[in-house]
Amino acid sequence: MTVRSVTPSDLAEILVHNNAAVPAVNHLSMDDLERFVLQAHSFLVIDGTDDSIAGFMIGLGPGVDYDSLNYAWFSSRYESFIYVDRIVVSESGRGLGIGTQLYAEFAARGEADGSPVMLAEVNIRPRNDGSLAFHDARGFVSVGEQDTDGGEKRVTLLEKTLGD
């Protein structure tokens, strides 16, 4: 399976995958996805063996007009970074290294652009143990916590130094 950049024909399937993954990620509309295509540092896709999308990642750089408490938290503390806004792996694609491939490609693109860190957040309420373990295994460390969605969610804010 190869990582590639998103195409407009991918968006309908990505929308289904994204919204099936709520609450691990926030709900999106097609307008939201189309805006990400224009704003993203990297909007990555991996196709499964059956030509369906097995996973995708949306990553942002600094200076994006994006209404996200987590992105705003990082933007106020880091001048240069790449930020994992969301990653979704289809149920049939889990355990196949898709997340690892997407993160590796995003990190490589960030390093090529001179970004010193990759940033992400993971829910700790509701707790996402799989994602916490995934990030820990890849060297991410917590640099803070905050409540989102009016206190419905709490996230740990994570950093990984690039180029190590």
N, C-alpha and C. Protein backbone atom coordinates (compact mmCIF):
# COMPACT_ATOMS: atom_id res chain seq x y z
N MET A 1 0.84 -1.18 0.00
CA MET A 1 0.00 0.00 0.00
C MET A 1 0.89 1.24 0.00
N THR A 2 0.51 2.19 -0.83
CA THR A 2 1.31 3.38 -1.03
C THR A 2 0.55 4.62 -0.56
N VAL A 3 1.26 5.53 0.09
CA VAL A 3 0.69 6.80 0.51
C VAL A 3 0.69 7.74 -0.70
N ARG A 4 -0.41 8.45 -0.87
CA ARG A 4 -0.53 9.41 -1.96
C ARG A 4 -1.30 10.63 -1.46
N SER A 5 -1.27 11.68 -2.24
CA SER A 5 -2.06 12.88 -1.93
C SER A 5 -3.51 12.65 -2.34
N VAL A 6 -4.41 13.29 -1.62
CA VAL A 6 -5.84 13.18 -1.87
C VAL A 6 -6.18 13.72 -3.26
N THR A 7 -7.25 13.19 -3.84
CA THR A 7 -7.82 13.72 -5.08
C THR A 7 -9.28 14.06 -4.81
N PRO A 8 -9.86 14.95 -5.60
CA PRO A 8 -11.27 15.30 -5.38
C PRO A 8 -12.21 14.09 -5.38
N SER A 9 -11.89 13.07 -6.16
CA SER A 9 -12.76 11.89 -6.22
C SER A 9 -12.72 11.06 -4.93
N ASP A 10 -11.75 11.33 -4.04
CA ASP A 10 -11.65 10.62 -2.76
C ASP A 10 -12.58 11.17 -1.69
N LEU A 11 -13.04 12.40 -1.85
CA LEU A 11 -13.65 13.12 -0.73
C LEU A 11 -14.93 12.47 -0.20
N ALA A 12 -15.78 11.95 -1.06
CA ALA A 12 -17.04 11.35 -0.59
C ALA A 12 -16.75 10.15 0.31
N GLU A 13 -15.81 9.31 -0.08
CA GLU A 13 -15.47 8.14 0.74
C GLU A 13 -14.77 8.56 2.03
N ILE A 14 -13.91 9.56 1.95
CA ILE A 14 -13.24 10.07 3.15
C ILE A 14 -14.26 10.61 4.14
N LEU A 15 -15.27 11.32 3.65
CA LEU A 15 -16.31 11.86 4.53
C LEU A 15 -17.01 10.74 5.29
N VAL A 16 -17.31 9.65 4.62
CA VAL A 16 -17.95 8.50 5.28
C VAL A 16 -17.04 7.94 6.36
N HIS A 17 -15.77 7.72 6.04
CA HIS A 17 -14.82 7.19 7.02
C HIS A 17 -14.68 8.14 8.21
N ASN A 18 -14.52 9.42 7.94
CA ASN A 18 -14.35 10.40 9.02
C ASN A 18 -15.54 10.37 9.98
N ASN A 19 -16.73 10.47 9.44
CA ASN A 19 -17.90 10.60 10.30
C ASN A 19 -18.26 9.30 11.00
N ALA A 20 -17.79 8.17 10.48
CA ALA A 20 -17.95 6.90 11.19
C ALA A 20 -17.00 6.80 12.38
N ALA A 21 -15.93 7.61 12.37
CA ALA A 21 -14.92 7.55 13.44
C ALA A 21 -15.20 8.51 14.60
N VAL A 22 -16.29 9.29 14.53
CA VAL A 22 -16.66 10.17 15.64
C VAL A 22 -16.96 9.29 16.85
N PRO A 23 -16.49 9.54 18.09
CA PRO A 23 -15.92 10.77 18.61
C PRO A 23 -14.39 10.81 18.61
N ALA A 24 -13.72 9.82 18.03
CA ALA A 24 -12.24 9.87 17.99
C ALA A 24 -11.77 11.08 17.18
N VAL A 25 -12.55 11.48 16.18
CA VAL A 25 -12.33 12.71 15.43
C VAL A 25 -13.65 13.47 15.39
N ASN A 26 -13.57 14.75 15.08
CA ASN A 26 -14.78 15.56 14.98
C ASN A 26 -15.48 15.33 13.65
N HIS A 27 -16.80 15.49 13.68
CA HIS A 27 -17.63 15.39 12.49
C HIS A 27 -17.22 16.44 11.46
N LEU A 28 -17.28 16.09 10.18
CA LEU A 28 -16.98 17.02 9.10
C LEU A 28 -18.11 17.03 8.08
N SER A 29 -18.22 18.14 7.36
CA SER A 29 -19.10 18.24 6.20
C SER A 29 -18.24 18.19 4.93
N MET A 30 -18.87 18.08 3.78
CA MET A 30 -18.11 18.11 2.53
C MET A 30 -17.42 19.46 2.36
N ASP A 31 -18.06 20.54 2.78
CA ASP A 31 -17.42 21.86 2.72
C ASP A 31 -16.15 21.89 3.55
N ASP A 32 -16.19 21.25 4.73
CA ASP A 32 -14.99 21.18 5.58
C ASP A 32 -13.86 20.46 4.85
N LEU A 33 -14.17 19.33 4.24
CA LEU A 33 -13.14 18.56 3.52
C LEU A 33 -12.56 19.37 2.36
N GLU A 34 -13.42 20.04 1.63
CA GLU A 34 -12.94 20.84 0.49
C GLU A 34 -12.04 21.97 0.98
N ARG A 35 -12.32 22.53 2.13
CA ARG A 35 -11.46 23.58 2.71
C ARG A 35 -10.11 22.98 3.11
N PHE A 36 -10.13 21.77 3.69
CA PHE A 36 -8.87 21.11 4.05
C PHE A 36 -8.00 20.87 2.82
N VAL A 37 -8.61 20.51 1.70
CA VAL A 37 -7.83 20.29 0.47
C VAL A 37 -7.03 21.55 0.15
N LEU A 38 -7.62 22.71 0.35
CA LEU A 38 -6.96 23.98 0.03
C LEU A 38 -5.95 24.40 1.10
N GLN A 39 -6.20 24.08 2.37
CA GLN A 39 -5.39 24.57 3.48
C GLN A 39 -4.33 23.61 3.98
N ALA A 40 -4.49 22.34 3.74
CA ALA A 40 -3.63 21.34 4.37
C ALA A 40 -2.19 21.44 3.89
N HIS A 41 -1.29 21.24 4.81
CA HIS A 41 0.13 21.03 4.47
C HIS A 41 0.22 19.72 3.70
N SER A 42 -0.47 18.70 4.21
CA SER A 42 -0.52 17.38 3.59
C SER A 42 -1.89 16.76 3.86
N PHE A 43 -2.53 16.27 2.81
CA PHE A 43 -3.80 15.54 2.92
C PHE A 43 -3.50 14.21 2.25
N LEU A 44 -3.24 13.19 3.06
CA LEU A 44 -2.69 11.92 2.59
C LEU A 44 -3.74 10.82 2.62
N VAL A 45 -3.61 9.87 1.69
CA VAL A 45 -4.54 8.75 1.54
C VAL A 45 -3.74 7.48 1.29
N ILE A 46 -4.25 6.37 1.82
CA ILE A 46 -3.74 5.04 1.46
C ILE A 46 -4.93 4.22 0.96
N ASP A 47 -4.77 3.64 -0.21
CA ASP A 47 -5.80 2.76 -0.76
C ASP A 47 -5.61 1.35 -0.23
N GLY A 48 -6.74 0.68 0.03
CA GLY A 48 -6.70 -0.72 0.45
C GLY A 48 -6.53 -1.63 -0.75
N THR A 49 -6.47 -2.89 -0.48
CA THR A 49 -6.27 -3.87 -1.55
C THR A 49 -7.49 -3.97 -2.47
N ASP A 50 -8.65 -3.52 -1.99
CA ASP A 50 -9.88 -3.59 -2.80
C ASP A 50 -10.21 -2.25 -3.47
N ASP A 51 -9.23 -1.36 -3.57
CA ASP A 51 -9.37 -0.03 -4.18
C ASP A 51 -10.23 0.94 -3.37
N SER A 52 -10.64 0.55 -2.17
CA SER A 52 -11.30 1.51 -1.30
C SER A 52 -10.22 2.19 -0.45
N ILE A 53 -10.57 3.29 0.18
CA ILE A 53 -9.61 4.01 0.99
C ILE A 53 -9.45 3.29 2.32
N ALA A 54 -8.22 2.92 2.65
CA ALA A 54 -7.94 2.21 3.89
C ALA A 54 -7.61 3.17 5.03
N GLY A 55 -7.20 4.39 4.68
CA GLY A 55 -6.90 5.37 5.71
C GLY A 55 -6.56 6.71 5.09
N PHE A 56 -6.68 7.75 5.93
CA PHE A 56 -6.30 9.08 5.47
C PHE A 56 -5.81 9.91 6.66
N MET A 57 -5.06 10.95 6.35
CA MET A 57 -4.56 11.88 7.35
C MET A 57 -4.63 13.29 6.79
N ILE A 58 -5.05 14.22 7.64
CA ILE A 58 -5.02 15.63 7.29
C ILE A 58 -4.04 16.32 8.24
N GLY A 59 -3.03 16.96 7.67
CA GLY A 59 -2.03 17.65 8.46
C GLY A 59 -1.91 19.10 8.04
N LEU A 60 -1.75 19.98 9.02
CA LEU A 60 -1.68 21.41 8.79
C LEU A 60 -0.33 21.96 9.19
N GLY A 61 0.04 23.06 8.60
CA GLY A 61 1.20 23.82 9.02
C GLY A 61 0.75 25.06 9.77
N PRO A 62 1.68 25.92 10.15
CA PRO A 62 1.32 27.14 10.88
C PRO A 62 0.61 28.15 9.97
N GLY A 63 -0.16 29.05 10.62
CA GLY A 63 -0.76 30.16 9.90
C GLY A 63 -2.05 29.88 9.18
N VAL A 64 -2.68 28.74 9.45
CA VAL A 64 -3.94 28.39 8.79
C VAL A 64 -5.10 29.02 9.57
N ASP A 65 -6.07 29.55 8.86
CA ASP A 65 -7.29 30.07 9.47
C ASP A 65 -8.20 28.88 9.75
N TYR A 66 -8.13 28.38 10.98
CA TYR A 66 -8.81 27.13 11.32
C TYR A 66 -9.36 27.25 12.74
N ASP A 67 -10.64 27.09 12.88
CA ASP A 67 -11.32 27.24 14.16
C ASP A 67 -11.24 25.95 14.97
N SER A 68 -10.09 25.74 15.60
CA SER A 68 -9.86 24.55 16.42
C SER A 68 -9.11 24.98 17.67
N LEU A 69 -9.66 24.63 18.83
CA LEU A 69 -8.99 24.97 20.09
C LEU A 69 -7.61 24.34 20.17
N ASN A 70 -7.48 23.12 19.69
CA ASN A 70 -6.19 22.42 19.77
C ASN A 70 -5.17 23.06 18.83
N TYR A 71 -5.57 23.34 17.61
CA TYR A 71 -4.68 24.01 16.67
C TYR A 71 -4.27 25.38 17.22
N ALA A 72 -5.23 26.11 17.80
CA ALA A 72 -4.93 27.43 18.38
C ALA A 72 -3.94 27.31 19.54
N TRP A 73 -4.10 26.26 20.37
CA TRP A 73 -3.18 26.05 21.50
C TRP A 73 -1.76 25.89 20.98
N PHE A 74 -1.59 25.02 19.97
CA PHE A 74 -0.26 24.81 19.40
C PHE A 74 0.26 26.08 18.71
N SER A 75 -0.60 26.74 17.96
CA SER A 75 -0.18 27.94 17.22
C SER A 75 0.31 29.04 18.14
N SER A 76 -0.25 29.11 19.34
CA SER A 76 0.17 30.15 20.28
C SER A 76 1.51 29.83 20.94
N ARG A 77 1.99 28.60 20.79
CA ARG A 77 3.21 28.17 21.48
C ARG A 77 4.35 27.78 20.54
N TYR A 78 4.05 27.53 19.27
CA TYR A 78 5.05 27.07 18.31
C TYR A 78 5.00 27.96 17.08
N GLU A 79 6.18 28.36 16.63
CA GLU A 79 6.26 29.18 15.42
C GLU A 79 6.29 28.31 14.16
N SER A 80 6.99 27.19 14.22
CA SER A 80 7.16 26.30 13.09
C SER A 80 6.79 24.88 13.52
N PHE A 81 5.91 24.24 12.77
CA PHE A 81 5.43 22.91 13.14
C PHE A 81 4.63 22.30 12.00
N ILE A 82 4.40 21.00 12.12
CA ILE A 82 3.34 20.33 11.36
C ILE A 82 2.41 19.71 12.39
N TYR A 83 1.13 19.75 12.09
CA TYR A 83 0.09 19.37 13.05
C TYR A 83 -0.83 18.31 12.44
N VAL A 84 -0.97 17.20 13.13
CA VAL A 84 -1.89 16.15 12.70
C VAL A 84 -3.29 16.56 13.16
N ASP A 85 -4.10 17.01 12.22
CA ASP A 85 -5.47 17.37 12.59
C ASP A 85 -6.32 16.13 12.81
N ARG A 86 -6.15 15.17 11.92
CA ARG A 86 -6.90 13.93 12.07
C ARG A 86 -6.28 12.82 11.25
N ILE A 87 -6.46 11.62 11.75
CA ILE A 87 -6.07 10.41 11.03
C ILE A 87 -7.19 9.41 11.27
N VAL A 88 -7.60 8.74 10.21
CA VAL A 88 -8.64 7.72 10.31
C VAL A 88 -8.18 6.52 9.49
N VAL A 89 -8.22 5.36 10.11
CA VAL A 89 -7.92 4.10 9.43
C VAL A 89 -9.20 3.28 9.44
N SER A 90 -9.58 2.76 8.27
CA SER A 90 -10.79 1.95 8.18
C SER A 90 -10.68 0.73 9.08
N GLU A 91 -11.80 0.22 9.49
CA GLU A 91 -11.79 -0.94 10.38
C GLU A 91 -11.03 -2.10 9.76
N SER A 92 -11.23 -2.32 8.45
CA SER A 92 -10.54 -3.44 7.79
C SER A 92 -9.05 -3.18 7.62
N GLY A 93 -8.63 -1.92 7.74
CA GLY A 93 -7.22 -1.58 7.57
C GLY A 93 -6.42 -1.54 8.86
N ARG A 94 -7.09 -1.71 10.00
CA ARG A 94 -6.39 -1.60 11.28
C ARG A 94 -5.44 -2.77 11.48
N GLY A 95 -4.30 -2.45 12.07
CA GLY A 95 -3.30 -3.48 12.34
C GLY A 95 -2.40 -3.80 11.16
N LEU A 96 -2.52 -3.03 10.08
CA LEU A 96 -1.73 -3.30 8.87
C LEU A 96 -0.60 -2.30 8.69
N GLY A 97 -0.38 -1.42 9.66
CA GLY A 97 0.69 -0.43 9.55
C GLY A 97 0.32 0.82 8.78
N ILE A 98 -0.96 1.01 8.52
CA ILE A 98 -1.41 2.17 7.74
C ILE A 98 -1.14 3.47 8.49
N GLY A 99 -1.47 3.52 9.77
CA GLY A 99 -1.18 4.71 10.56
C GLY A 99 0.29 5.03 10.59
N THR A 100 1.10 4.02 10.73
CA THR A 100 2.56 4.21 10.74
C THR A 100 3.03 4.79 9.42
N GLN A 101 2.52 4.28 8.30
CA GLN A 101 2.91 4.80 6.99
C GLN A 101 2.49 6.27 6.82
N LEU A 102 1.26 6.59 7.24
CA LEU A 102 0.79 7.96 7.11
C LEU A 102 1.64 8.92 7.95
N TYR A 103 1.92 8.53 9.19
CA TYR A 103 2.75 9.38 10.06
C TYR A 103 4.15 9.53 9.49
N ALA A 104 4.72 8.46 8.97
CA ALA A 104 6.08 8.52 8.42
C ALA A 104 6.14 9.47 7.21
N GLU A 105 5.16 9.39 6.35
CA GLU A 105 5.13 10.27 5.18
C GLU A 105 4.93 11.73 5.60
N PHE A 106 4.05 11.97 6.55
CA PHE A 106 3.82 13.34 7.01
C PHE A 106 5.08 13.89 7.67
N ALA A 107 5.73 13.09 8.49
CA ALA A 107 6.99 13.52 9.13
C ALA A 107 8.05 13.83 8.07
N ALA A 108 8.16 12.99 7.07
CA ALA A 108 9.15 13.22 6.01
C ALA A 108 8.87 14.53 5.27
N ARG A 109 7.61 14.80 5.00
CA ARG A 109 7.26 16.06 4.33
C ARG A 109 7.55 17.25 5.24
N GLY A 110 7.27 17.10 6.53
CA GLY A 110 7.56 18.16 7.47
C GLY A 110 9.04 18.44 7.59
N GLU A 111 9.83 17.37 7.69
CA GLU A 111 11.29 17.52 7.76
C GLU A 111 11.82 18.21 6.50
N ALA A 112 11.28 17.82 5.34
CA ALA A 112 11.72 18.43 4.08
C ALA A 112 11.43 19.93 4.05
N ASP A 113 10.39 20.34 4.73
CA ASP A 113 10.03 21.76 4.81
C ASP A 113 10.74 22.48 5.95
N GLY A 114 11.52 21.75 6.76
CA GLY A 114 12.24 22.36 7.87
C GLY A 114 11.45 22.48 9.16
N SER A 115 10.34 21.77 9.26
CA SER A 115 9.55 21.80 10.50
C SER A 115 10.30 21.06 11.60
N PRO A 116 10.45 21.67 12.77
CA PRO A 116 11.20 21.00 13.83
C PRO A 116 10.39 19.98 14.63
N VAL A 117 9.05 20.12 14.62
CA VAL A 117 8.22 19.23 15.44
C VAL A 117 6.95 18.84 14.70
N MET A 118 6.44 17.66 15.08
CA MET A 118 5.13 17.20 14.67
C MET A 118 4.26 17.24 15.92
N LEU A 119 3.06 17.80 15.80
CA LEU A 119 2.15 17.97 16.93
C LEU A 119 0.85 17.22 16.67
N ALA A 120 0.24 16.76 17.75
CA ALA A 120 -1.04 16.05 17.66
C ALA A 120 -1.71 16.11 19.00
N GLU A 121 -2.98 15.76 19.04
CA GLU A 121 -3.66 15.58 20.31
C GLU A 121 -4.44 14.28 20.28
N VAL A 122 -4.66 13.74 21.47
CA VAL A 122 -5.40 12.49 21.60
C VAL A 122 -6.39 12.66 22.74
N ASN A 123 -7.59 12.15 22.54
CA ASN A 123 -8.60 12.21 23.59
C ASN A 123 -8.18 11.39 24.81
N ILE A 124 -8.30 12.02 25.97
CA ILE A 124 -8.16 11.28 27.23
C ILE A 124 -9.52 11.20 27.93
N ARG A 125 -10.49 11.98 27.43
CA ARG A 125 -11.89 11.84 27.82
C ARG A 125 -12.73 12.18 26.62
N PRO A 126 -13.45 11.27 25.96
CA PRO A 126 -13.37 9.82 26.20
C PRO A 126 -11.99 9.30 25.81
N ARG A 127 -11.54 8.35 26.56
CA ARG A 127 -10.16 7.86 26.45
C ARG A 127 -9.97 7.03 25.18
N ASN A 128 -8.91 7.34 24.46
CA ASN A 128 -8.57 6.62 23.24
C ASN A 128 -7.23 5.91 23.48
N ASP A 129 -7.31 4.76 24.18
CA ASP A 129 -6.10 4.04 24.57
C ASP A 129 -5.26 3.59 23.38
N GLY A 130 -5.91 3.19 22.29
CA GLY A 130 -5.16 2.76 21.11
C GLY A 130 -4.31 3.88 20.54
N SER A 131 -4.88 5.06 20.43
CA SER A 131 -4.15 6.20 19.90
C SER A 131 -3.06 6.66 20.87
N LEU A 132 -3.35 6.62 22.16
CA LEU A 132 -2.33 6.98 23.15
C LEU A 132 -1.12 6.07 23.03
N ALA A 133 -1.35 4.77 22.91
CA ALA A 133 -0.25 3.81 22.78
C ALA A 133 0.50 4.00 21.46
N PHE A 134 -0.23 4.26 20.38
CA PHE A 134 0.37 4.50 19.07
C PHE A 134 1.35 5.67 19.14
N HIS A 135 0.90 6.79 19.70
CA HIS A 135 1.75 7.99 19.78
C HIS A 135 2.93 7.78 20.72
N ASP A 136 2.70 7.12 21.83
CA ASP A 136 3.78 6.84 22.78
C ASP A 136 4.87 6.00 22.12
N ALA A 137 4.47 5.00 21.35
CA ALA A 137 5.44 4.12 20.69
C ALA A 137 6.26 4.85 19.63
N ARG A 138 5.76 5.98 19.16
CA ARG A 138 6.46 6.74 18.12
C ARG A 138 7.19 7.96 18.68
N GLY A 139 7.31 8.02 20.00
CA GLY A 139 8.13 9.05 20.62
C GLY A 139 7.45 10.37 20.90
N PHE A 140 6.13 10.42 20.82
CA PHE A 140 5.42 11.64 21.18
C PHE A 140 5.39 11.79 22.70
N VAL A 141 5.51 13.03 23.17
CA VAL A 141 5.43 13.32 24.61
C VAL A 141 4.36 14.38 24.84
N SER A 142 3.70 14.28 25.99
CA SER A 142 2.66 15.24 26.34
C SER A 142 3.30 16.58 26.73
N VAL A 143 2.75 17.65 26.17
CA VAL A 143 3.22 19.00 26.50
C VAL A 143 2.09 19.84 27.12
N GLY A 144 0.93 19.21 27.36
CA GLY A 144 -0.19 19.91 27.97
C GLY A 144 -1.47 19.12 27.84
N GLU A 145 -2.51 19.64 28.46
CA GLU A 145 -3.86 19.06 28.36
C GLU A 145 -4.85 20.22 28.30
N GLN A 146 -6.01 19.96 27.69
CA GLN A 146 -7.08 20.95 27.71
C GLN A 146 -8.42 20.29 27.44
N ASP A 147 -9.47 20.95 27.95
CA ASP A 147 -10.84 20.54 27.67
C ASP A 147 -11.29 21.15 26.36
N THR A 148 -12.10 20.40 25.61
CA THR A 148 -12.69 20.89 24.37
C THR A 148 -14.16 20.51 24.36
N ASP A 149 -14.86 20.97 23.34
CA ASP A 149 -16.28 20.68 23.18
C ASP A 149 -17.07 20.98 24.44
N GLY A 150 -16.81 22.16 25.04
CA GLY A 150 -17.54 22.58 26.23
C GLY A 150 -17.32 21.66 27.41
N GLY A 151 -16.17 21.02 27.48
CA GLY A 151 -15.87 20.11 28.58
C GLY A 151 -16.28 18.67 28.32
N GLU A 152 -16.87 18.40 27.17
CA GLU A 152 -17.27 17.04 26.82
C GLU A 152 -16.04 16.16 26.58
N LYS A 153 -14.97 16.78 26.07
CA LYS A 153 -13.75 16.05 25.76
C LYS A 153 -12.58 16.69 26.51
N ARG A 154 -11.57 15.88 26.78
CA ARG A 154 -10.30 16.38 27.28
C ARG A 154 -9.22 15.71 26.44
N VAL A 155 -8.23 16.48 26.02
CA VAL A 155 -7.17 15.96 25.18
C VAL A 155 -5.82 16.16 25.85
N THR A 156 -4.90 15.27 25.50
CA THR A 156 -3.50 15.50 25.80
C THR A 156 -2.87 16.02 24.52
N LEU A 157 -2.07 17.07 24.65
CA LEU A 157 -1.41 17.72 23.51
C LEU A 157 0.00 17.17 23.41
N LEU A 158 0.36 16.67 22.24
CA LEU A 158 1.57 15.88 22.06
C LEU A 158 2.55 16.52 21.09
N GLU A 159 3.82 16.28 21.33
CA GLU A 159 4.90 16.78 20.48
C GLU A 159 5.89 15.66 20.20
N LYS A 160 6.40 15.66 18.98
CA LYS A 160 7.50 14.77 18.60
C LYS A 160 8.52 15.60 17.83
N THR A 161 9.76 15.57 18.29
CA THR A 161 10.82 16.27 17.58
C THR A 161 11.14 15.54 16.28
N LEU A 162 11.23 16.28 15.19
CA LEU A 162 11.55 15.69 13.89
C LEU A 162 13.04 15.72 13.67
N GLY A 163 13.51 14.80 12.86
CA GLY A 163 14.92 14.75 12.52
C GLY A 163 15.76 13.95 13.49
N ASP A 164 15.13 13.30 14.46
CA ASP A 164 15.87 12.45 15.40
C ASP A 164 16.10 11.07 14.84
